[in-house]
Amino acid sequence: SKSYLSRAFKQKTGLTLMEYLNTLRMEAAKTLLAASDMNTEEIACQTGYHSAKFFYRAFRSYTGMSTREYRNKEAGNRKLGSR
């Protein structure tokens, strides 16, 4: 049943299904922000968010920074790594 699956998943992973799904989506968004030139709206859509505004809020809540701040930080890290 749905409730059994939810309980079993939480016991095994320590996360609810929704928390796990949101983590996957945010990690995918971080990867796309760091490695592509896609705009944030495209990334929001690619990661399953139908509202860019909701994606911005979720991303800031997850990472503690805006999508632009994250992309700039990752670009700086790549420059440091290539030296």
N, C-alpha and C. Protein backbone atom coordinates (compact mmCIF):
# COMPACT_ATOMS: atom_id res chain seq x y z
N SER A 1 0.85 -1.19 0.00
CA SER A 1 0.00 0.00 0.00
C SER A 1 0.88 1.24 0.00
N LYS A 2 0.27 2.36 -0.30
CA LYS A 2 0.99 3.62 -0.38
C LYS A 2 1.61 3.99 0.97
N SER A 3 0.85 3.82 2.03
CA SER A 3 1.36 4.20 3.36
C SER A 3 2.50 3.27 3.80
N TYR A 4 2.40 1.98 3.47
CA TYR A 4 3.48 1.04 3.81
C TYR A 4 4.76 1.43 3.08
N LEU A 5 4.64 1.71 1.80
CA LEU A 5 5.80 2.10 1.00
C LEU A 5 6.44 3.36 1.60
N SER A 6 5.63 4.33 1.95
CA SER A 6 6.15 5.57 2.53
C SER A 6 6.91 5.31 3.83
N ARG A 7 6.31 4.50 4.70
CA ARG A 7 6.96 4.19 5.98
C ARG A 7 8.26 3.41 5.77
N ALA A 8 8.22 2.42 4.90
CA ALA A 8 9.41 1.59 4.65
C ALA A 8 10.53 2.44 4.04
N PHE A 9 10.19 3.31 3.11
CA PHE A 9 11.17 4.19 2.48
C PHE A 9 11.81 5.10 3.52
N LYS A 10 11.00 5.69 4.38
CA LYS A 10 11.50 6.58 5.43
C LYS A 10 12.42 5.82 6.38
N GLN A 11 12.07 4.60 6.74
CA GLN A 11 12.90 3.80 7.64
C GLN A 11 14.26 3.48 7.01
N LYS A 12 14.25 3.18 5.74
CA LYS A 12 15.50 2.80 5.05
C LYS A 12 16.40 3.99 4.74
N THR A 13 15.80 5.11 4.34
CA THR A 13 16.59 6.24 3.86
C THR A 13 16.68 7.39 4.85
N GLY A 14 15.74 7.47 5.76
CA GLY A 14 15.69 8.62 6.67
C GLY A 14 14.99 9.82 6.05
N LEU A 15 14.52 9.66 4.83
CA LEU A 15 13.84 10.74 4.12
C LEU A 15 12.45 10.28 3.70
N THR A 16 11.54 11.22 3.60
CA THR A 16 10.26 10.88 3.00
C THR A 16 10.46 10.80 1.49
N LEU A 17 9.51 10.22 0.79
CA LEU A 17 9.61 10.15 -0.67
C LEU A 17 9.71 11.54 -1.28
N MET A 18 8.94 12.49 -0.74
CA MET A 18 8.97 13.85 -1.28
C MET A 18 10.32 14.52 -1.02
N GLU A 19 10.88 14.32 0.16
CA GLU A 19 12.20 14.89 0.46
C GLU A 19 13.26 14.31 -0.48
N TYR A 20 13.17 13.01 -0.72
CA TYR A 20 14.11 12.36 -1.64
C TYR A 20 13.96 12.90 -3.06
N LEU A 21 12.74 13.00 -3.52
CA LEU A 21 12.49 13.52 -4.86
C LEU A 21 12.99 14.96 -4.99
N ASN A 22 12.72 15.78 -4.00
CA ASN A 22 13.18 17.17 -4.04
C ASN A 22 14.70 17.26 -4.02
N THR A 23 15.34 16.37 -3.28
CA THR A 23 16.81 16.35 -3.27
C THR A 23 17.34 15.99 -4.66
N LEU A 24 16.77 14.99 -5.29
CA LEU A 24 17.18 14.62 -6.65
C LEU A 24 17.00 15.79 -7.62
N ARG A 25 15.86 16.45 -7.51
CA ARG A 25 15.58 17.57 -8.42
C ARG A 25 16.56 18.72 -8.21
N MET A 26 16.85 19.04 -6.95
CA MET A 26 17.78 20.14 -6.66
C MET A 26 19.20 19.80 -7.07
N GLU A 27 19.62 18.57 -6.87
CA GLU A 27 20.96 18.18 -7.30
C GLU A 27 21.08 18.22 -8.82
N ALA A 28 20.03 17.83 -9.51
CA ALA A 28 20.02 17.93 -10.98
C ALA A 28 20.08 19.39 -11.40
N ALA A 29 19.34 20.25 -10.72
CA ALA A 29 19.35 21.68 -11.03
C ALA A 29 20.75 22.26 -10.81
N LYS A 30 21.40 21.88 -9.72
CA LYS A 30 22.76 22.36 -9.45
C LYS A 30 23.70 21.94 -10.57
N THR A 31 23.58 20.71 -11.02
CA THR A 31 24.43 20.21 -12.10
C THR A 31 24.19 21.01 -13.38
N LEU A 32 22.93 21.23 -13.70
CA LEU A 32 22.60 21.99 -14.92
C LEU A 32 23.08 23.44 -14.82
N LEU A 33 22.93 24.05 -13.66
CA LEU A 33 23.40 25.43 -13.49
C LEU A 33 24.91 25.52 -13.66
N ALA A 34 25.63 24.54 -13.14
CA ALA A 34 27.09 24.57 -13.19
C ALA A 34 27.65 24.19 -14.56
N ALA A 35 26.95 23.32 -15.28
CA ALA A 35 27.55 22.74 -16.48
C ALA A 35 26.88 23.13 -17.79
N SER A 36 25.85 23.97 -17.74
CA SER A 36 25.18 24.33 -18.99
C SER A 36 24.94 25.83 -19.05
N ASP A 37 24.54 26.26 -20.23
CA ASP A 37 24.18 27.66 -20.43
C ASP A 37 22.67 27.84 -20.44
N MET A 38 21.94 26.80 -20.03
CA MET A 38 20.48 26.90 -20.00
C MET A 38 20.07 28.02 -19.04
N ASN A 39 18.98 28.72 -19.39
CA ASN A 39 18.51 29.73 -18.45
C ASN A 39 17.74 29.05 -17.32
N THR A 40 17.53 29.80 -16.28
CA THR A 40 16.94 29.23 -15.06
C THR A 40 15.54 28.70 -15.31
N GLU A 41 14.77 29.35 -16.15
CA GLU A 41 13.42 28.88 -16.44
C GLU A 41 13.46 27.50 -17.12
N GLU A 42 14.42 27.33 -18.03
CA GLU A 42 14.57 26.03 -18.70
C GLU A 42 14.97 24.95 -17.70
N ILE A 43 15.87 25.30 -16.79
CA ILE A 43 16.31 24.34 -15.78
C ILE A 43 15.15 23.99 -14.86
N ALA A 44 14.36 24.98 -14.49
CA ALA A 44 13.18 24.71 -13.65
C ALA A 44 12.28 23.70 -14.34
N CYS A 45 12.02 23.91 -15.60
CA CYS A 45 11.16 22.99 -16.37
C CYS A 45 11.79 21.61 -16.48
N GLN A 46 13.08 21.56 -16.77
CA GLN A 46 13.79 20.28 -16.93
C GLN A 46 13.78 19.45 -15.64
N THR A 47 13.73 20.13 -14.50
CA THR A 47 13.78 19.42 -13.22
C THR A 47 12.39 19.24 -12.61
N GLY A 48 11.35 19.53 -13.39
CA GLY A 48 10.00 19.21 -12.95
C GLY A 48 9.24 20.32 -12.26
N TYR A 49 9.76 21.53 -12.28
CA TYR A 49 9.05 22.66 -11.68
C TYR A 49 8.29 23.39 -12.77
N HIS A 50 7.01 23.57 -12.57
CA HIS A 50 6.19 24.25 -13.58
C HIS A 50 6.11 25.74 -13.33
N SER A 51 6.63 26.18 -12.21
CA SER A 51 6.65 27.60 -11.88
C SER A 51 8.09 27.99 -11.57
N ALA A 52 8.63 28.91 -12.37
CA ALA A 52 10.00 29.38 -12.13
C ALA A 52 10.10 30.05 -10.77
N LYS A 53 9.05 30.76 -10.39
CA LYS A 53 9.04 31.45 -9.09
C LYS A 53 9.17 30.44 -7.95
N PHE A 54 8.42 29.34 -8.03
CA PHE A 54 8.51 28.31 -7.00
C PHE A 54 9.89 27.65 -7.02
N PHE A 55 10.46 27.44 -8.21
CA PHE A 55 11.79 26.87 -8.33
C PHE A 55 12.83 27.77 -7.67
N TYR A 56 12.75 29.08 -7.93
CA TYR A 56 13.71 30.01 -7.31
C TYR A 56 13.66 29.89 -5.78
N ARG A 57 12.46 29.87 -5.23
CA ARG A 57 12.30 29.76 -3.77
C ARG A 57 12.85 28.44 -3.25
N ALA A 58 12.52 27.35 -3.93
CA ALA A 58 12.97 26.03 -3.50
C ALA A 58 14.50 25.93 -3.58
N PHE A 59 15.08 26.50 -4.64
CA PHE A 59 16.53 26.44 -4.81
C PHE A 59 17.22 27.23 -3.71
N ARG A 60 16.72 28.43 -3.42
CA ARG A 60 17.31 29.25 -2.36
C ARG A 60 17.19 28.55 -1.01
N SER A 61 16.06 27.94 -0.76
CA SER A 61 15.85 27.21 0.49
C SER A 61 16.82 26.03 0.60
N TYR A 62 17.05 25.34 -0.49
CA TYR A 62 17.91 24.15 -0.50
C TYR A 62 19.39 24.50 -0.39
N THR A 63 19.83 25.54 -1.11
CA THR A 63 21.26 25.86 -1.19
C THR A 63 21.68 27.05 -0.35
N GLY A 64 20.73 27.90 0.00
CA GLY A 64 21.08 29.12 0.73
C GLY A 64 21.56 30.24 -0.18
N MET A 65 21.42 30.04 -1.49
CA MET A 65 21.82 31.09 -2.43
C MET A 65 20.90 31.08 -3.64
N SER A 66 20.94 32.18 -4.37
CA SER A 66 20.12 32.26 -5.58
C SER A 66 20.76 31.43 -6.68
N THR A 67 20.00 31.20 -7.74
CA THR A 67 20.55 30.44 -8.87
C THR A 67 21.73 31.18 -9.49
N ARG A 68 21.64 32.50 -9.57
CA ARG A 68 22.74 33.30 -10.14
C ARG A 68 23.98 33.21 -9.26
N GLU A 69 23.80 33.32 -7.94
CA GLU A 69 24.94 33.21 -7.02
C GLU A 69 25.59 31.83 -7.16
N TYR A 70 24.77 30.79 -7.25
CA TYR A 70 25.30 29.44 -7.37
C TYR A 70 26.09 29.28 -8.67
N ARG A 71 25.53 29.76 -9.77
CA ARG A 71 26.20 29.64 -11.07
C ARG A 71 27.52 30.40 -11.06
N ASN A 72 27.52 31.60 -10.51
CA ASN A 72 28.75 32.39 -10.44
C ASN A 72 29.80 31.71 -9.56
N LYS A 73 29.38 31.15 -8.43
CA LYS A 73 30.30 30.43 -7.53
C LYS A 73 30.92 29.25 -8.26
N GLU A 74 30.10 28.49 -8.98
CA GLU A 74 30.61 27.32 -9.70
C GLU A 74 31.54 27.74 -10.84
N ALA A 75 31.24 28.84 -11.50
CA ALA A 75 32.12 29.33 -12.57
C ALA A 75 33.48 29.72 -11.97
N GLY A 76 33.46 30.34 -10.81
CA GLY A 76 34.70 30.70 -10.12
C GLY A 76 35.49 29.46 -9.71
N ASN A 77 34.79 28.44 -9.23
CA ASN A 77 35.46 27.20 -8.85
C ASN A 77 36.11 26.52 -10.05
N ARG A 78 35.45 26.57 -11.21
CA ARG A 78 36.02 25.96 -12.42
C ARG A 78 37.29 26.71 -12.84
N LYS A 79 37.27 28.05 -12.72
CA LYS A 79 38.45 28.82 -13.08
C LYS A 79 39.61 28.47 -12.16
N LEU A 80 39.35 28.34 -10.87
CA LEU A 80 40.40 27.99 -9.92
C LEU A 80 40.95 26.59 -10.20
N GLY A 81 40.07 25.68 -10.58
CA GLY A 81 40.48 24.31 -10.85
C GLY A 81 41.29 24.15 -12.13
N SER A 82 41.16 25.09 -13.06
CA SER A 82 41.88 24.97 -14.33
C SER A 82 43.25 25.60 -14.28
N ARG A 83 43.62 26.19 -13.18
CA ARG A 83 44.95 26.82 -13.08
C ARG A 83 46.01 25.81 -12.80
